[in-house]
Amino acid sequence: MKENWTPQTWKSKEALHQPNYEDISKLKKVTNQMKKLPPLVFAGEVRELKCELSKCVDGKGFLLQAGDCAESFAEFHPNYIRDTFRVIMQMAVILSFASGVPVIKLGRLAGQFAKPRSSPVEKKGNLELPSYLGDMINSIDFNKKAREPDPERMIKAYNQAASTQNLLRAFAYGGYADLSTIQSWNLDFVKKSKQGSNFKALANRISECLNFMNACGVNNHNVRQLSETNFYISHEALLLPYEAAFTRIDSTTGHWYNVGAHMLWIGDRTRNINGAHVEFCSGISNPIGIKVGPSIDQQELIRVIKKINKKNEKGKITLIIRMGSKKITKTLPPIIRSISRSKLNVIWSCDPMHANTEKAKSGYKTRVFKNILSEVKSFFKIHESEGSYAGGIHLEMTGQNVTECMGGMQKISDKDLSNRYHTHCDPRLNASQSIELAFQIASYLKKIK
């Protein structure tokens, strides 16, 4: 913890991608109200996550961070949460079996309501309005009133996050995470696959192992880990008034913790060493992700890591690499070497989504599955070549049967995008594409065991 640091220290720095609230007194009233609200997570859980993440630094664990691009008020429904949780659990079983190490389940859920945008304004015809910045800030509806930032939206976002987290806890500890049930879901997936012979072989092996364990008396009735799981939540630390309101001193350690999420990350657009977001994250004890794009300055990245993780703790820093399938082979190796020479403890996680966004002929913003897969494959190959550990994957996905990313076994094409294009921001992998990707990643993990 930094000396003289407080949750408000960030105000002395330049804060990028913050909304312009016209009524400052209303903003202050709302943030004061939020300071009195119950936490979404607890400091002990955050410490537990950091301990689990520390294993990923040395290849003894694997991080699966996945969930919505941006949660919305309009599409909030328990079935959506359940379906996303279910797919993440399916992916985790596949990855854990292939890697032979624990998989840390970390959702982009229960707080992912704000998004940075490339342009501060959006134009339709002759009308120009502020861009949609996420439901925590303004509305996606294209009219002047809807696009005005409203502090009250932070309260609504908190309430939805609290409901989501409550349901996630129930799923994680109430029997829905039973390992044998999850594996039956995977078998259902491969039965529907026309091209999935390798998938079927792996799924059958998992089932055989579970059957053998059960025959030996090891089952969900006598081993808690087979019927329950730890499931953590995360979001981008973007809207700083919200983050500051949920940053509190832990009574047992005297350290500052953000109790709005187990882990926070800093985006590629807010990673400035002298900026407000790095300043804020340098004072909290939560694990911190740092998005690393192709324009990164290696020396500045090292300074950012050292500022946030002064003691070089394992499990504190996750570097979320988002280079794009065409650039990763050239740009990632020198970064790995630079971090290695500096002897910094980091988790290397691959985000194959954000730098592979393109515009389809139909006009929809999309991502092509083969490009996503290509970046993931390059990520694993590079780490194997450099002698470092590929420690995680970071995905924008949903449990719904959307048509937002092209390709995969479903062969979603440009003409299919309009069928079920529901995202409020960026295109997401659907349930089938997510599980297909997990099986592909599993094949890479098996090769490096």
Protein backbone atom coordinates (compact mmCIF):
# COMPACT_ATOMS: atom_id res chain seq x y z
CA MET A 1 0.00 0.00 0.00
CA LYS A 2 1.34 3.45 -0.92
CA GLU A 3 1.99 5.91 1.87
CA ASN A 4 -0.30 8.96 1.77
CA TRP A 5 -2.52 7.23 -0.80
CA THR A 6 -6.29 7.55 -0.51
CA PRO A 7 -9.16 6.59 -2.84
CA GLN A 8 -9.25 10.25 -3.93
CA THR A 9 -5.54 10.66 -4.80
CA TRP A 10 -6.31 9.97 -8.44
CA LYS A 11 -8.00 13.38 -8.69
CA SER A 12 -4.58 15.03 -8.80
CA LYS A 13 -3.84 13.22 -12.09
CA GLU A 14 -5.27 13.44 -15.60
CA ALA A 15 -8.32 11.17 -15.78
CA LEU A 16 -9.08 10.04 -19.32
CA HIS A 17 -12.40 8.63 -20.55
CA GLN A 18 -14.43 10.08 -17.69
CA PRO A 19 -17.96 11.41 -18.31
CA ASN A 20 -18.72 15.09 -17.96
CA TYR A 21 -21.32 15.25 -15.18
CA GLU A 22 -23.11 18.58 -15.34
CA ASP A 23 -24.57 18.41 -11.80
CA ILE A 24 -21.54 17.99 -9.53
CA SER A 25 -23.62 18.23 -6.36
CA LYS A 26 -25.72 15.28 -7.55
CA LEU A 27 -22.55 13.31 -8.30
CA LYS A 28 -21.24 13.98 -4.80
CA LYS A 29 -24.56 12.96 -3.24
CA VAL A 30 -24.58 9.68 -5.16
CA THR A 31 -20.97 8.79 -4.37
CA ASN A 32 -21.54 9.54 -0.67
CA GLN A 33 -24.54 7.21 -0.77
CA MET A 34 -22.46 4.48 -2.43
CA LYS A 35 -19.82 4.65 0.29
CA LYS A 36 -22.46 3.33 2.71
CA LEU A 37 -23.59 0.41 0.54
CA PRO A 38 -22.55 -3.17 1.43
CA PRO A 39 -19.51 -4.63 -0.36
CA LEU A 40 -19.91 -6.96 -3.32
CA VAL A 41 -16.80 -8.93 -2.35
CA PHE A 42 -14.69 -9.32 0.77
CA ALA A 43 -11.00 -8.67 1.38
CA GLY A 44 -10.40 -12.30 2.36
CA GLU A 45 -11.78 -13.46 -0.99
CA VAL A 46 -9.49 -11.02 -2.80
CA ARG A 47 -6.48 -12.42 -0.95
CA GLU A 48 -7.62 -15.93 -1.84
CA LEU A 49 -7.81 -14.99 -5.53
CA LYS A 50 -4.33 -13.48 -5.43
CA CYS A 51 -3.02 -16.70 -3.90
CA GLU A 52 -4.64 -18.75 -6.66
CA LEU A 53 -3.35 -16.40 -9.35
CA SER A 54 0.20 -16.69 -8.00
CA LYS A 55 0.22 -20.28 -9.30
CA CYS A 56 -0.33 -19.03 -12.86
CA VAL A 57 2.99 -17.16 -12.82
CA ASP A 58 4.94 -20.44 -12.77
CA GLY A 59 2.62 -22.55 -14.89
CA LYS A 60 0.93 -24.25 -11.92
CA GLY A 61 -2.47 -22.69 -12.65
CA PHE A 62 -4.41 -21.24 -15.58
CA LEU A 63 -6.65 -18.16 -15.60
CA LEU A 64 -9.97 -18.23 -17.45
CA GLN A 65 -11.37 -14.69 -17.48
CA ALA A 66 -14.56 -14.42 -19.51
CA GLY A 67 -17.90 -12.70 -19.72
CA ASP A 68 -19.85 -9.89 -21.29
CA CYS A 69 -18.38 -7.03 -23.27
CA ALA A 70 -20.62 -4.62 -21.37
CA GLU A 71 -23.49 -5.63 -19.11
CA SER A 72 -26.76 -3.87 -19.76
CA PHE A 73 -29.83 -2.93 -17.75
CA ALA A 74 -32.22 -3.95 -20.53
CA GLU A 75 -30.96 -7.53 -20.91
CA PHE A 76 -30.61 -8.30 -17.19
CA HIS A 77 -32.13 -11.73 -16.56
CA PRO A 78 -31.16 -14.63 -14.27
CA ASN A 79 -31.19 -17.03 -17.22
CA TYR A 80 -28.50 -14.98 -18.99
CA ILE A 81 -26.29 -15.09 -15.89
CA ARG A 82 -26.89 -18.82 -15.49
CA ASP A 83 -26.06 -19.57 -19.12
CA THR A 84 -22.83 -17.53 -19.07
CA PHE A 85 -21.78 -19.17 -15.77
CA ARG A 86 -22.54 -22.57 -17.27
CA VAL A 87 -20.36 -22.01 -20.35
CA ILE A 88 -17.46 -20.69 -18.26
CA MET A 89 -17.69 -23.81 -16.09
CA GLN A 90 -17.75 -26.04 -19.18
CA MET A 91 -14.66 -24.30 -20.52
CA ALA A 92 -12.90 -24.61 -17.16
CA VAL A 93 -13.41 -28.40 -17.01
CA ILE A 94 -11.94 -28.81 -20.50
CA LEU A 95 -8.93 -26.58 -19.75
CA SER A 96 -8.24 -28.10 -16.34
CA PHE A 97 -8.26 -31.64 -17.69
CA ALA A 98 -5.93 -30.73 -20.55
CA SER A 99 -3.48 -28.69 -18.48
CA GLY A 100 -3.48 -30.78 -15.31
CA VAL A 101 -3.53 -27.62 -13.23
CA PRO A 102 -6.29 -25.69 -11.42
CA VAL A 103 -8.26 -23.25 -13.58
CA ILE A 104 -9.20 -19.97 -11.88
CA LYS A 105 -12.69 -18.89 -12.96
CA LEU A 106 -12.93 -15.10 -13.19
CA GLY A 107 -16.04 -13.55 -14.72
CA ARG A 108 -16.31 -10.26 -16.58
CA LEU A 109 -19.53 -9.92 -14.62
CA ALA A 110 -21.29 -8.04 -11.81
CA GLY A 111 -19.76 -4.65 -12.61
CA GLN A 112 -18.74 -4.46 -16.29
CA PHE A 113 -21.02 -1.52 -17.09
CA ALA A 114 -18.61 1.13 -18.44
CA LYS A 115 -16.62 1.16 -21.69
CA PRO A 116 -14.05 3.55 -23.18
CA ARG A 117 -14.86 4.60 -26.74
CA SER A 118 -12.57 5.58 -29.58
CA SER A 119 -14.61 8.72 -30.22
CA PRO A 120 -16.30 10.96 -27.61
CA VAL A 121 -19.18 11.64 -30.01
CA GLU A 122 -21.47 9.64 -32.28
CA LYS A 123 -23.15 11.04 -35.38
CA LYS A 124 -26.31 9.90 -37.15
CA GLY A 125 -27.39 12.04 -40.04
CA ASN A 126 -27.09 15.67 -38.94
CA LEU A 127 -27.36 14.86 -35.22
CA GLU A 128 -24.18 14.57 -33.14
CA LEU A 129 -24.39 13.34 -29.54
CA PRO A 130 -22.01 12.05 -26.85
CA SER A 131 -21.03 8.42 -27.38
CA TYR A 132 -22.64 5.62 -25.42
CA LEU A 133 -20.24 4.88 -22.54
CA GLY A 134 -22.02 1.98 -20.89
CA ASP A 135 -25.23 1.72 -18.89
CA MET A 136 -23.49 2.87 -15.73
CA ILE A 137 -22.99 6.28 -17.38
CA ASN A 138 -25.64 6.90 -20.05
CA SER A 139 -28.16 5.12 -22.28
CA ILE A 140 -27.63 3.50 -25.66
CA ASP A 141 -30.78 5.28 -26.97
CA PHE A 142 -29.81 7.95 -29.47
CA ASN A 143 -31.33 11.15 -28.11
CA LYS A 144 -29.96 14.10 -26.16
CA LYS A 145 -31.48 13.23 -22.78
CA ALA A 146 -30.49 9.56 -22.97
CA ARG A 147 -26.86 10.39 -23.75
CA GLU A 148 -26.44 12.80 -20.82
CA PRO A 149 -24.29 11.18 -18.10
CA ASP A 150 -26.41 10.53 -15.00
CA PRO A 151 -24.77 9.70 -11.63
CA GLU A 152 -27.89 7.84 -10.48
CA ARG A 153 -27.04 5.13 -12.99
CA MET A 154 -24.15 4.08 -10.74
CA ILE A 155 -26.65 3.09 -8.03
CA LYS A 156 -28.63 1.03 -10.52
CA ALA A 157 -25.43 -0.62 -11.75
CA TYR A 158 -24.48 -1.51 -8.17
CA ASN A 159 -27.91 -3.01 -7.48
CA GLN A 160 -27.73 -5.15 -10.61
CA ALA A 161 -24.15 -6.17 -9.79
CA ALA A 162 -25.24 -7.18 -6.27
CA SER A 163 -28.08 -9.32 -7.67
CA THR A 164 -25.72 -10.89 -10.19
CA GLN A 165 -23.08 -11.66 -7.56
CA ASN A 166 -25.71 -13.17 -5.27
CA LEU A 167 -26.85 -15.51 -8.04
CA LEU A 168 -23.26 -16.41 -9.00
CA ARG A 169 -22.53 -17.40 -5.39
CA ALA A 170 -25.63 -19.59 -5.37
CA PHE A 171 -24.54 -21.32 -8.58
CA ALA A 172 -20.96 -21.79 -7.36
CA TYR A 173 -21.86 -23.28 -3.98
CA GLY A 174 -25.40 -24.61 -4.47
CA GLY A 175 -24.76 -27.65 -6.66
CA TYR A 176 -24.92 -26.11 -10.14
CA ALA A 177 -21.14 -26.40 -10.41
CA ASP A 178 -21.19 -30.19 -9.91
CA LEU A 179 -18.37 -31.59 -12.03
CA SER A 180 -20.28 -34.59 -13.36
CA THR A 181 -23.17 -32.38 -14.48
CA ILE A 182 -20.83 -29.96 -16.25
CA GLN A 183 -19.18 -32.81 -18.12
CA SER A 184 -22.57 -34.07 -19.31
CA TRP A 185 -23.09 -30.60 -20.82
CA ASN A 186 -19.80 -30.97 -22.69
CA LEU A 187 -20.90 -34.35 -24.01
CA ASP A 188 -24.09 -32.71 -25.24
CA PHE A 189 -21.96 -30.18 -27.13
CA VAL A 190 -19.81 -32.79 -28.88
CA LYS A 191 -22.85 -34.85 -29.86
CA LYS A 192 -24.05 -31.88 -31.88
CA SER A 193 -20.64 -31.37 -33.47
CA LYS A 194 -20.16 -32.69 -36.99
CA GLN A 195 -16.42 -31.93 -37.00
CA GLY A 196 -15.59 -32.65 -33.36
CA SER A 197 -13.89 -36.07 -33.32
CA ASN A 198 -11.02 -34.69 -31.25
CA PHE A 199 -13.50 -32.94 -28.99
CA LYS A 200 -15.37 -36.20 -28.48
CA ALA A 201 -12.18 -38.07 -27.59
CA LEU A 202 -11.24 -35.54 -24.94
CA ALA A 203 -14.77 -35.35 -23.53
CA ASN A 204 -14.94 -39.16 -23.32
CA ARG A 205 -11.62 -39.28 -21.48
CA ILE A 206 -12.90 -36.81 -18.89
CA SER A 207 -16.02 -38.92 -18.38
CA GLU A 208 -13.94 -42.08 -17.99
CA CYS A 209 -11.83 -40.40 -15.31
CA LEU A 210 -14.93 -39.24 -13.45
CA ASN A 211 -16.43 -42.73 -13.63
CA PHE A 212 -13.21 -44.25 -12.29
CA MET A 213 -13.11 -41.75 -9.42
CA ASN A 214 -16.71 -42.52 -8.58
CA ALA A 215 -15.94 -46.26 -8.57
CA CYS A 216 -13.19 -45.54 -6.06
CA GLY A 217 -15.65 -43.71 -3.84
CA VAL A 218 -14.50 -40.22 -4.80
CA ASN A 219 -17.62 -38.29 -5.74
CA ASN A 220 -19.62 -35.13 -5.05
CA HIS A 221 -21.03 -36.62 -1.85
CA ASN A 222 -17.70 -36.81 -0.05
CA VAL A 223 -15.42 -34.34 -1.86
CA ARG A 224 -16.61 -30.73 -1.77
CA GLN A 225 -14.42 -29.67 -4.71
CA LEU A 226 -16.44 -31.90 -7.05
CA SER A 227 -19.71 -30.10 -6.35
CA GLU A 228 -18.58 -26.54 -5.49
CA THR A 229 -16.16 -24.04 -6.97
CA ASN A 230 -14.64 -20.63 -6.37
CA PHE A 231 -15.94 -18.10 -8.85
CA TYR A 232 -14.58 -14.56 -8.85
CA ILE A 233 -15.75 -11.33 -10.50
CA SER A 234 -13.87 -8.57 -12.31
CA HIS A 235 -14.40 -5.46 -14.39
CA GLU A 236 -12.44 -2.63 -15.94
CA ALA A 237 -11.51 0.10 -13.47
CA LEU A 238 -12.74 2.88 -15.72
CA LEU A 239 -15.31 5.08 -13.95
CA LEU A 240 -13.17 6.32 -11.07
CA PRO A 241 -15.88 7.97 -8.91
CA TYR A 242 -17.59 4.55 -8.74
CA GLU A 243 -14.35 2.69 -7.98
CA ALA A 244 -13.32 5.18 -5.29
CA ALA A 245 -16.69 4.87 -3.53
CA PHE A 246 -16.17 1.11 -3.12
CA THR A 247 -12.58 1.32 -1.91
CA ARG A 248 -12.34 0.76 1.83
CA ILE A 249 -9.83 -0.17 4.52
CA ASP A 250 -9.82 -3.84 5.55
CA SER A 251 -10.12 -4.02 9.33
CA THR A 252 -7.90 -7.11 9.61
CA THR A 253 -4.92 -5.83 7.63
CA GLY A 254 -5.32 -2.04 7.49
CA HIS A 255 -4.90 -2.13 3.70
CA TRP A 256 -7.13 -0.56 1.06
CA TYR A 257 -9.32 -2.92 -0.98
CA ASN A 258 -11.78 -2.26 -3.76
CA VAL A 259 -14.83 -4.22 -2.61
CA GLY A 260 -16.70 -3.82 -5.91
CA ALA A 261 -14.76 -6.69 -7.56
CA HIS A 262 -12.13 -9.28 -6.76
CA MET A 263 -9.94 -8.07 -9.63
CA LEU A 264 -9.84 -4.88 -11.68
CA TRP A 265 -8.02 -4.15 -14.91
CA ILE A 266 -6.62 -1.04 -16.60
CA GLY A 267 -7.49 -0.63 -20.26
CA ASP A 268 -5.11 -0.02 -23.16
CA ARG A 269 -6.39 3.57 -23.37
CA THR A 270 -5.92 4.41 -19.66
CA ARG A 271 -2.53 2.83 -18.97
CA ASN A 272 -0.60 6.12 -18.74
CA ILE A 273 2.06 5.98 -16.00
CA ASN A 274 1.14 9.52 -14.91
CA GLY A 275 -2.61 9.02 -15.34
CA ALA A 276 -5.40 8.76 -12.81
CA HIS A 277 -6.20 5.08 -13.45
CA VAL A 278 -2.69 3.85 -12.75
CA GLU A 279 -2.56 6.10 -9.69
CA PHE A 280 -5.82 4.66 -8.36
CA CYS A 281 -4.80 1.04 -8.94
CA SER A 282 -1.40 1.60 -7.31
CA GLY A 283 -3.04 1.97 -3.90
CA ILE A 284 -5.44 -0.97 -3.72
CA SER A 285 -4.56 -4.53 -2.70
CA ASN A 286 -6.66 -6.25 -5.38
CA PRO A 287 -5.03 -8.16 -8.24
CA ILE A 288 -4.72 -5.84 -11.25
CA GLY A 289 -4.86 -6.63 -14.95
CA ILE A 290 -3.07 -4.42 -17.46
CA LYS A 291 -4.17 -4.48 -21.09
CA VAL A 292 -1.16 -4.53 -23.44
CA GLY A 293 -1.76 -3.49 -27.05
CA PRO A 294 0.65 -3.26 -30.02
CA SER A 295 1.48 0.41 -29.34
CA ILE A 296 2.89 -0.32 -25.88
CA ASP A 297 6.16 1.28 -24.80
CA GLN A 298 8.10 -1.48 -23.06
CA GLN A 299 9.87 0.76 -20.57
CA GLU A 300 6.66 2.53 -19.60
CA LEU A 301 4.98 -0.85 -19.09
CA ILE A 302 7.76 -1.85 -16.71
CA ARG A 303 7.32 1.41 -14.78
CA VAL A 304 3.56 0.87 -14.57
CA ILE A 305 4.05 -2.68 -13.25
CA LYS A 306 6.56 -1.51 -10.64
CA LYS A 307 4.31 1.35 -9.54
CA ILE A 308 1.34 -0.97 -8.99
CA ASN A 309 3.32 -3.94 -7.65
CA LYS A 310 6.16 -2.47 -5.62
CA LYS A 311 6.90 -5.74 -3.79
CA ASN A 312 6.85 -7.81 -7.00
CA GLU A 313 4.17 -10.11 -5.53
CA LYS A 314 3.13 -13.13 -7.52
CA GLY A 315 -0.55 -13.01 -8.45
CA LYS A 316 -0.77 -9.22 -8.29
CA ILE A 317 -0.27 -8.39 -11.99
CA THR A 318 -1.83 -10.00 -15.05
CA LEU A 319 -0.68 -8.72 -18.43
CA ILE A 320 -3.63 -9.09 -20.80
CA ILE A 321 -2.11 -9.24 -24.28
CA ARG A 322 -4.30 -7.93 -27.13
CA MET A 323 -2.12 -7.55 -30.21
CA GLY A 324 -4.22 -8.93 -33.06
CA SER A 325 -3.53 -12.06 -35.08
CA LYS A 326 -1.36 -10.19 -37.60
CA LYS A 327 0.85 -8.36 -35.09
CA ILE A 328 1.36 -10.70 -32.14
CA THR A 329 4.23 -12.71 -33.64
CA LYS A 330 6.34 -9.59 -34.08
CA THR A 331 5.30 -7.51 -31.06
CA LEU A 332 4.97 -9.99 -28.18
CA PRO A 333 8.41 -11.70 -28.03
CA PRO A 334 10.41 -8.53 -27.24
CA ILE A 335 7.91 -7.63 -24.50
CA ILE A 336 8.31 -11.07 -22.91
CA ARG A 337 12.10 -10.71 -23.01
CA SER A 338 11.95 -7.24 -21.49
CA ILE A 339 9.75 -8.39 -18.60
CA SER A 340 11.92 -11.47 -18.10
CA ARG A 341 15.12 -9.38 -17.92
CA SER A 342 13.46 -7.16 -15.31
CA LYS A 343 12.58 -10.29 -13.25
CA LEU A 344 9.00 -9.14 -12.81
CA ASN A 345 6.39 -11.65 -11.65
CA VAL A 346 3.45 -11.45 -14.04
CA ILE A 347 0.72 -13.70 -15.44
CA TRP A 348 0.62 -13.73 -19.24
CA SER A 349 -2.98 -13.82 -20.46
CA CYS A 350 -4.20 -13.71 -24.07
CA ASP A 351 -7.09 -11.44 -25.11
CA PRO A 352 -7.69 -12.50 -28.73
CA MET A 353 -10.84 -10.40 -29.05
CA HIS A 354 -10.10 -6.69 -28.92
CA ALA A 355 -7.47 -6.33 -31.65
CA ASN A 356 -9.34 -8.61 -34.07
CA THR A 357 -12.43 -6.44 -34.50
CA GLU A 358 -13.43 -5.59 -38.06
CA LYS A 359 -16.39 -4.32 -40.04
CA ALA A 360 -18.30 -6.89 -42.08
CA LYS A 361 -19.64 -6.08 -45.53
CA SER A 362 -23.10 -5.90 -44.00
CA GLY A 363 -21.90 -3.02 -41.79
CA TYR A 364 -21.90 -4.97 -38.51
CA LYS A 365 -18.88 -4.81 -36.24
CA THR A 366 -17.66 -8.38 -35.94
CA ARG A 367 -14.76 -10.70 -35.14
CA VAL A 368 -13.72 -13.70 -37.22
CA PHE A 369 -13.27 -16.94 -35.27
CA LYS A 370 -10.24 -18.09 -37.29
CA ASN A 371 -8.43 -14.82 -36.43
CA ILE A 372 -9.25 -15.26 -32.74
CA LEU A 373 -7.96 -18.81 -32.89
CA SER A 374 -4.86 -17.71 -34.79
CA GLU A 375 -3.90 -15.19 -32.10
CA VAL A 376 -4.41 -17.77 -29.35
CA LYS A 377 -2.26 -20.31 -31.21
CA SER A 378 0.51 -17.74 -31.74
CA PHE A 379 0.33 -16.74 -28.07
CA PHE A 380 1.00 -20.30 -26.90
CA LYS A 381 3.67 -20.90 -29.53
CA ILE A 382 5.55 -17.71 -28.61
CA HIS A 383 5.59 -18.51 -24.91
CA GLU A 384 6.83 -22.02 -25.60
CA SER A 385 9.63 -20.56 -27.74
CA GLU A 386 10.55 -17.91 -25.14
CA GLY A 387 10.52 -20.35 -22.21
CA SER A 388 7.73 -18.45 -20.43
CA TYR A 389 4.27 -19.55 -19.34
CA ALA A 390 1.05 -18.91 -21.22
CA GLY A 391 -0.99 -18.42 -18.07
CA GLY A 392 -4.47 -17.35 -19.09
CA ILE A 393 -7.17 -16.42 -21.59
CA HIS A 394 -9.42 -13.34 -21.55
CA LEU A 395 -12.62 -13.50 -23.62
CA GLU A 396 -15.72 -11.49 -24.40
CA MET A 397 -18.43 -14.13 -24.59
CA THR A 398 -21.98 -14.94 -23.62
CA GLY A 399 -23.97 -18.07 -22.88
CA GLN A 400 -26.59 -16.97 -25.39
CA ASN A 401 -26.88 -18.20 -28.97
CA VAL A 402 -25.98 -14.84 -30.50
CA THR A 403 -24.60 -14.29 -34.01
CA GLU A 404 -21.96 -11.60 -33.52
CA CYS A 405 -18.66 -13.32 -34.40
CA MET A 406 -18.27 -15.03 -37.78
CA GLY A 407 -17.04 -18.58 -38.25
CA GLY A 408 -16.63 -21.54 -35.94
CA MET A 409 -18.33 -24.90 -36.39
CA GLN A 410 -21.65 -23.13 -36.75
CA LYS A 411 -20.19 -21.39 -39.82
CA ILE A 412 -21.78 -18.05 -38.97
CA SER A 413 -21.44 -15.80 -42.02
CA ASP A 414 -21.88 -12.13 -42.74
CA LYS A 415 -25.52 -12.68 -43.72
CA ASP A 416 -26.18 -14.42 -40.36
CA LEU A 417 -25.01 -11.51 -38.21
CA SER A 418 -28.36 -9.74 -38.29
CA ASN A 419 -30.21 -12.80 -36.91
CA ARG A 420 -29.23 -12.40 -33.27
CA TYR A 421 -26.87 -9.46 -32.98
CA HIS A 422 -27.62 -8.28 -29.42
CA THR A 423 -24.43 -6.73 -28.05
CA HIS A 424 -24.50 -3.15 -26.74
CA CYS A 425 -20.84 -2.68 -27.61
CA ASP A 426 -18.42 -5.27 -29.03
CA PRO A 427 -19.18 -8.64 -30.69
CA ARG A 428 -19.03 -11.67 -28.38
CA LEU A 429 -18.40 -15.36 -28.86
CA ASN A 430 -21.58 -17.36 -28.37
CA ALA A 431 -21.84 -20.49 -26.23
CA SER A 432 -20.89 -22.92 -29.00
CA GLN A 433 -17.92 -20.82 -30.19
CA SER A 434 -16.66 -20.43 -26.60
CA ILE A 435 -16.66 -24.17 -25.93
CA GLU A 436 -15.11 -24.88 -29.34
CA LEU A 437 -12.32 -22.42 -28.49
CA ALA A 438 -11.79 -24.12 -25.12
CA PHE A 439 -11.26 -27.47 -26.83
CA GLN A 440 -8.76 -25.84 -29.19
CA ILE A 441 -6.87 -24.22 -26.31
CA ALA A 442 -6.90 -27.60 -24.55
CA SER A 443 -4.95 -29.08 -27.47
CA TYR A 444 -2.25 -26.40 -27.05
CA LEU A 445 -2.07 -26.96 -23.30
CA LYS A 446 -1.62 -30.71 -23.78
CA LYS A 447 1.31 -30.15 -26.15
CA ILE A 448 3.28 -28.12 -23.60
CA LYS A 449 2.65 -30.38 -20.59
